[in-house]
Amino acid sequence: MPDDQPTAEDDTAETAAQRRARRAQFLRDLNEARELRDRVQPRRARAARMRQQMRMRTFRW
């Protein structure tokens, strides 16, 4: 078994800061992809906004 293969110990050794940084990068990429999709498909984006607004209106605290 080569030493360059990741092991379970390597996965658990990841620090909380590394995890947060990776998650922040993922969320930035996700937001960028959503903005791009909204520009490319404005009708679908508008319908999605309307559905989200309806969900928020009918949600009870």
PDB file of N, CA and C in Angstrom:
ATOM      1  N   MET A   1       0.852  -1.189   0.000  1.00  0.00           N
ATOM      2  CA  MET A   1       0.000   0.000   0.000  1.00  0.00           C
ATOM      3  C   MET A   1       0.883   1.233   0.000  1.00  0.00           C
ATOM      4  N   PRO A   2       0.777   2.097  -1.023  1.00  0.00           N
ATOM      5  CA  PRO A   2       1.624   3.299  -1.080  1.00  0.00           C
ATOM      6  C   PRO A   2       1.293   4.274   0.034  1.00  0.00           C
ATOM      7  N   ASP A   3       2.294   5.056   0.420  1.00  0.00           N
ATOM      8  CA  ASP A   3       2.102   6.019   1.503  1.00  0.00           C
ATOM      9  C   ASP A   3       1.336   7.261   1.076  1.00  0.00           C
ATOM     10  N   ASP A   4       1.206   7.496  -0.236  1.00  0.00           N
ATOM     11  CA  ASP A   4       0.521   8.711  -0.683  1.00  0.00           C
ATOM     12  C   ASP A   4      -0.997   8.570  -0.674  1.00  0.00           C
ATOM     13  N   GLN A   5      -1.524   7.404  -0.353  1.00  0.00           N
ATOM     14  CA  GLN A   5      -2.970   7.220  -0.266  1.00  0.00           C
ATOM     15  C   GLN A   5      -3.490   7.809   1.043  1.00  0.00           C
ATOM     16  N   PRO A   6      -4.598   8.572   1.006  1.00  0.00           N
ATOM     17  CA  PRO A   6      -5.140   9.118   2.251  1.00  0.00           C
ATOM     18  C   PRO A   6      -5.728   8.006   3.113  1.00  0.00           C
ATOM     19  N   THR A   7      -5.561   8.151   4.384  1.00  0.00           N
ATOM     20  CA  THR A   7      -6.112   7.169   5.322  1.00  0.00           C
ATOM     21  C   THR A   7      -7.174   7.832   6.169  1.00  0.00           C
ATOM     22  N   ALA A   8      -7.870   7.048   6.951  1.00  0.00           N
ATOM     23  CA  ALA A   8      -8.909   7.585   7.836  1.00  0.00           C
ATOM     24  C   ALA A   8      -8.296   8.541   8.851  1.00  0.00           C
ATOM     25  N   GLU A   9      -7.070   8.280   9.260  1.00  0.00           N
ATOM     26  CA  GLU A   9      -6.418   9.162  10.231  1.00  0.00           C
ATOM     27  C   GLU A   9      -6.197  10.549   9.640  1.00  0.00           C
ATOM     28  N   ASP A  10      -5.866  10.629   8.357  1.00  0.00           N
ATOM     29  CA  ASP A  10      -5.662  11.918   7.707  1.00  0.00           C
ATOM     30  C   ASP A  10      -6.962  12.721   7.664  1.00  0.00           C
ATOM     31  N   ASP A  11      -8.079  12.040   7.430  1.00  0.00           N
ATOM     32  CA  ASP A  11      -9.365  12.730   7.355  1.00  0.00           C
ATOM     33  C   ASP A  11      -9.755  13.319   8.695  1.00  0.00           C
ATOM     34  N   THR A  12      -9.498  12.607   9.767  1.00  0.00           N
ATOM     35  CA  THR A  12      -9.888  13.108  11.085  1.00  0.00           C
ATOM     36  C   THR A  12      -8.915  14.156  11.592  1.00  0.00           C
ATOM     37  N   ALA A  13      -7.720  14.224  10.998  1.00  0.00           N
ATOM     38  CA  ALA A  13      -6.725  15.199  11.442  1.00  0.00           C
ATOM     39  C   ALA A  13      -7.018  16.594  10.902  1.00  0.00           C
ATOM     40  N   GLU A  14      -7.997  16.730  10.031  1.00  0.00           N
ATOM     41  CA  GLU A  14      -8.331  18.036   9.478  1.00  0.00           C
ATOM     42  C   GLU A  14      -8.830  18.964  10.588  1.00  0.00           C
ATOM     43  N   THR A  15      -8.300  20.148  10.632  1.00  0.00           N
ATOM     44  CA  THR A  15      -8.683  21.065  11.703  1.00  0.00           C
ATOM     45  C   THR A  15     -10.014  21.725  11.376  1.00  0.00           C
ATOM     46  N   ALA A  16     -10.617  22.288  12.402  1.00  0.00           N
ATOM     47  CA  ALA A  16     -11.890  22.990  12.215  1.00  0.00           C
ATOM     48  C   ALA A  16     -11.699  24.192  11.290  1.00  0.00           C
ATOM     49  N   ALA A  17     -10.573  24.861  11.393  1.00  0.00           N
ATOM     50  CA  ALA A  17     -10.311  26.022  10.536  1.00  0.00           C
ATOM     51  C   ALA A  17     -10.228  25.606   9.062  1.00  0.00           C
ATOM     52  N   GLN A  18      -9.597  24.473   8.794  1.00  0.00           N
ATOM     53  CA  GLN A  18      -9.501  23.991   7.410  1.00  0.00           C
ATOM     54  C   GLN A  18     -10.883  23.640   6.882  1.00  0.00           C
ATOM     55  N   ARG A  19     -11.681  23.019   7.723  1.00  0.00           N
ATOM     56  CA  ARG A  19     -13.038  22.645   7.315  1.00  0.00           C
ATOM     57  C   ARG A  19     -13.865  23.887   7.020  1.00  0.00           C
ATOM     58  N   ARG A  20     -13.769  24.901   7.879  1.00  0.00           N
ATOM     59  CA  ARG A  20     -14.513  26.148   7.657  1.00  0.00           C
ATOM     60  C   ARG A  20     -14.062  26.841   6.387  1.00  0.00           C
ATOM     61  N   ALA A  21     -12.765  26.847   6.136  1.00  0.00           N
ATOM     62  CA  ALA A  21     -12.249  27.483   4.915  1.00  0.00           C
ATOM     63  C   ALA A  21     -12.752  26.754   3.675  1.00  0.00           C
ATOM     64  N   ARG A  22     -12.737  25.419   3.717  1.00  0.00           N
ATOM     65  CA  ARG A  22     -13.229  24.638   2.580  1.00  0.00           C
ATOM     66  C   ARG A  22     -14.722  24.868   2.379  1.00  0.00           C
ATOM     67  N   ARG A  23     -15.479  24.935   3.470  1.00  0.00           N
ATOM     68  CA  ARG A  23     -16.925  25.161   3.389  1.00  0.00           C
ATOM     69  C   ARG A  23     -17.219  26.567   2.839  1.00  0.00           C
ATOM     70  N   ALA A  24     -16.450  27.556   3.288  1.00  0.00           N
ATOM     71  CA  ALA A  24     -16.639  28.926   2.806  1.00  0.00           C
ATOM     72  C   ALA A  24     -16.389  28.994   1.296  1.00  0.00           C
ATOM     73  N   GLN A  25     -15.351  28.305   0.833  1.00  0.00           N
ATOM     74  CA  GLN A  25     -15.049  28.298  -0.609  1.00  0.00           C
ATOM     75  C   GLN A  25     -16.184  27.625  -1.374  1.00  0.00           C
ATOM     76  N   PHE A  26     -16.697  26.526  -0.841  1.00  0.00           N
ATOM     77  CA  PHE A  26     -17.809  25.833  -1.493  1.00  0.00           C
ATOM     78  C   PHE A  26     -19.028  26.740  -1.589  1.00  0.00           C
ATOM     79  N   LEU A  27     -19.341  27.453  -0.508  1.00  0.00           N
ATOM     80  CA  LEU A  27     -20.512  28.323  -0.506  1.00  0.00           C
ATOM     81  C   LEU A  27     -20.339  29.495  -1.468  1.00  0.00           C
ATOM     82  N   ARG A  28     -19.113  30.016  -1.586  1.00  0.00           N
ATOM     83  CA  ARG A  28     -18.849  31.082  -2.563  1.00  0.00           C
ATOM     84  C   ARG A  28     -19.083  30.568  -3.975  1.00  0.00           C
ATOM     85  N   ASP A  29     -18.564  29.377  -4.267  1.00  0.00           N
ATOM     86  CA  ASP A  29     -18.746  28.788  -5.599  1.00  0.00           C
ATOM     87  C   ASP A  29     -20.220  28.526  -5.882  1.00  0.00           C
ATOM     88  N   LEU A  30     -20.936  28.041  -4.890  1.00  0.00           N
ATOM     89  CA  LEU A  30     -22.355  27.765  -5.054  1.00  0.00           C
ATOM     90  C   LEU A  30     -23.133  29.043  -5.347  1.00  0.00           C
ATOM     91  N   ASN A  31     -22.825  30.100  -4.608  1.00  0.00           N
ATOM     92  CA  ASN A  31     -23.499  31.383  -4.819  1.00  0.00           C
ATOM     93  C   ASN A  31     -23.197  31.932  -6.208  1.00  0.00           C
ATOM     94  N   GLU A  32     -21.954  31.802  -6.640  1.00  0.00           N
ATOM     95  CA  GLU A  32     -21.577  32.266  -7.981  1.00  0.00           C
ATOM     96  C   GLU A  32     -22.329  31.485  -9.055  1.00  0.00           C
ATOM     97  N   ALA A  33     -22.462  30.180  -8.867  1.00  0.00           N
ATOM     98  CA  ALA A  33     -23.183  29.356  -9.833  1.00  0.00           C
ATOM     99  C   ALA A  33     -24.661  29.745  -9.883  1.00  0.00           C
ATOM    100  N   ARG A  34     -25.248  30.038  -8.737  1.00  0.00           N
ATOM    101  CA  ARG A  34     -26.661  30.450  -8.710  1.00  0.00           C
ATOM    102  C   ARG A  34     -26.855  31.784  -9.420  1.00  0.00           C
ATOM    103  N   GLU A  35     -25.929  32.720  -9.197  1.00  0.00           N
ATOM    104  CA  GLU A  35     -26.030  34.019  -9.866  1.00  0.00           C
ATOM    105  C   GLU A  35     -25.918  33.857 -11.377  1.00  0.00           C
ATOM    106  N   LEU A  36     -25.006  33.001 -11.806  1.00  0.00           N
ATOM    107  CA  LEU A  36     -24.846  32.753 -13.241  1.00  0.00           C
ATOM    108  C   LEU A  36     -26.119  32.133 -13.823  1.00  0.00           C
ATOM    109  N   ARG A  37     -26.681  31.160 -13.131  1.00  0.00           N
ATOM    110  CA  ARG A  37     -27.907  30.525 -13.607  1.00  0.00           C
ATOM    111  C   ARG A  37     -29.044  31.535 -13.678  1.00  0.00           C
ATOM    112  N   ASP A  38     -29.120  32.436 -12.686  1.00  0.00           N
ATOM    113  CA  ASP A  38     -30.180  33.446 -12.696  1.00  0.00           C
ATOM    114  C   ASP A  38     -30.043  34.395 -13.889  1.00  0.00           C
ATOM    115  N   ARG A  39     -28.805  34.721 -14.264  1.00  0.00           N
ATOM    116  CA  ARG A  39     -28.602  35.599 -15.418  1.00  0.00           C
ATOM    117  C   ARG A  39     -28.947  34.890 -16.720  1.00  0.00           C
ATOM    118  N   VAL A  40     -28.634  33.601 -16.784  1.00  0.00           N
ATOM    119  CA  VAL A  40     -28.836  32.847 -18.022  1.00  0.00           C
ATOM    120  C   VAL A  40     -30.299  32.464 -18.204  1.00  0.00           C
ATOM    121  N   GLN A  41     -31.003  32.191 -17.104  1.00  0.00           N
ATOM    122  CA  GLN A  41     -32.396  31.749 -17.183  1.00  0.00           C
ATOM    123  C   GLN A  41     -33.276  32.648 -16.317  1.00  0.00           C
ATOM    124  N   PRO A  42     -33.538  33.883 -16.750  1.00  0.00           N
ATOM    125  CA  PRO A  42     -34.267  34.829 -15.900  1.00  0.00           C
ATOM    126  C   PRO A  42     -35.692  34.386 -15.570  1.00  0.00           C
ATOM    127  N   ARG A  43     -36.357  33.714 -16.481  1.00  0.00           N
ATOM    128  CA  ARG A  43     -37.738  33.306 -16.202  1.00  0.00           C
ATOM    129  C   ARG A  43     -37.774  32.253 -15.105  1.00  0.00           C
ATOM    130  N   ARG A  44     -36.876  31.292 -15.195  1.00  0.00           N
ATOM    131  CA  ARG A  44     -36.808  30.253 -14.164  1.00  0.00           C
ATOM    132  C   ARG A  44     -36.389  30.847 -12.817  1.00  0.00           C
ATOM    133  N   ALA A  45     -35.481  31.806 -12.849  1.00  0.00           N
ATOM    134  CA  ALA A  45     -35.044  32.449 -11.613  1.00  0.00           C
ATOM    135  C   ALA A  45     -36.196  33.206 -10.964  1.00  0.00           C
ATOM    136  N   ARG A  46     -36.991  33.881 -11.770  1.00  0.00           N
ATOM    137  CA  ARG A  46     -38.137  34.624 -11.229  1.00  0.00           C
ATOM    138  C   ARG A  46     -39.146  33.662 -10.605  1.00  0.00           C
ATOM    139  N   ALA A  47     -39.403  32.552 -11.273  1.00  0.00           N
ATOM    140  CA  ALA A  47     -40.335  31.559 -10.733  1.00  0.00           C
ATOM    141  C   ALA A  47     -39.809  30.992  -9.415  1.00  0.00           C
ATOM    142  N   ALA A  48     -38.505  30.756  -9.336  1.00  0.00           N
ATOM    143  CA  ALA A  48     -37.919  30.232  -8.101  1.00  0.00           C
ATOM    144  C   ALA A  48     -38.045  31.251  -6.972  1.00  0.00           C
ATOM    145  N   ARG A  49     -37.835  32.528  -7.295  1.00  0.00           N
ATOM    146  CA  ARG A  49     -38.007  33.581  -6.265  1.00  0.00           C
ATOM    147  C   ARG A  49     -39.436  33.625  -5.767  1.00  0.00           C
ATOM    148  N   MET A  50     -40.395  33.510  -6.678  1.00  0.00           N
ATOM    149  CA  MET A  50     -41.809  33.520  -6.292  1.00  0.00           C
ATOM    150  C   MET A  50     -42.142  32.335  -5.386  1.00  0.00           C
ATOM    151  N   ARG A  51     -41.622  31.151  -5.740  1.00  0.00           N
ATOM    152  CA  ARG A  51     -41.866  29.981  -4.887  1.00  0.00           C
ATOM    153  C   ARG A  51     -41.267  30.179  -3.504  1.00  0.00           C
ATOM    154  N   GLN A  52     -40.063  30.732  -3.445  1.00  0.00           N
ATOM    155  CA  GLN A  52     -39.419  30.978  -2.149  1.00  0.00           C
ATOM    156  C   GLN A  52     -40.221  31.986  -1.331  1.00  0.00           C
ATOM    157  N   GLN A  53     -40.705  33.038  -1.958  1.00  0.00           N
ATOM    158  CA  GLN A  53     -41.520  34.025  -1.244  1.00  0.00           C
ATOM    159  C   GLN A  53     -42.795  33.392  -0.705  1.00  0.00           C
ATOM    160  N   MET A  54     -43.413  32.541  -1.495  1.00  0.00           N
ATOM    161  CA  MET A  54     -44.633  31.867  -1.033  1.00  0.00           C
ATOM    162  C   MET A  54     -44.326  30.954   0.150  1.00  0.00           C
ATOM    163  N   ARG A  55     -43.197  30.259   0.079  1.00  0.00           N
ATOM    164  CA  ARG A  55     -42.810  29.406   1.198  1.00  0.00           C
ATOM    165  C   ARG A  55     -42.630  30.228   2.462  1.00  0.00           C
ATOM    166  N   MET A  56     -41.986  31.378   2.333  1.00  0.00           N
ATOM    167  CA  MET A  56     -41.739  32.217   3.506  1.00  0.00           C
ATOM    168  C   MET A  56     -43.039  32.809   4.042  1.00  0.00           C
ATOM    169  N   ARG A  57     -43.976  33.133   3.167  1.00  0.00           N
ATOM    170  CA  ARG A  57     -45.256  33.684   3.620  1.00  0.00           C
ATOM    171  C   ARG A  57     -46.072  32.658   4.391  1.00  0.00           C
ATOM    172  N   THR A  58     -45.988  31.408   3.977  1.00  0.00           N
ATOM    173  CA  THR A  58     -46.819  30.391   4.613  1.00  0.00           C
ATOM    174  C   THR A  58     -46.123  29.724   5.801  1.00  0.00           C
ATOM    175  N   PHE A  59     -44.862  30.086   6.036  1.00  0.00           N
ATOM    176  CA  PHE A  59     -44.125  29.498   7.169  1.00  0.00           C
ATOM    177  C   PHE A  59     -44.569  30.177   8.461  1.00  0.00           C
ATOM    178  N   ARG A  60     -44.829  29.378   9.484  1.00  0.00           N
ATOM    179  CA  ARG A  60     -45.234  29.932  10.774  1.00  0.00           C
ATOM    180  C   ARG A  60     -44.099  29.765  11.776  1.00  0.00           C
ATOM    181  N   TRP A  61     -43.809  30.817  12.500  1.00  0.00           N
ATOM    182  CA  TRP A  61     -42.739  30.784  13.499  1.00  0.00           C
ATOM    183  C   TRP A  61     -43.184  30.043  14.708  1.00  0.00           C
TER     184      TRP A  61
END
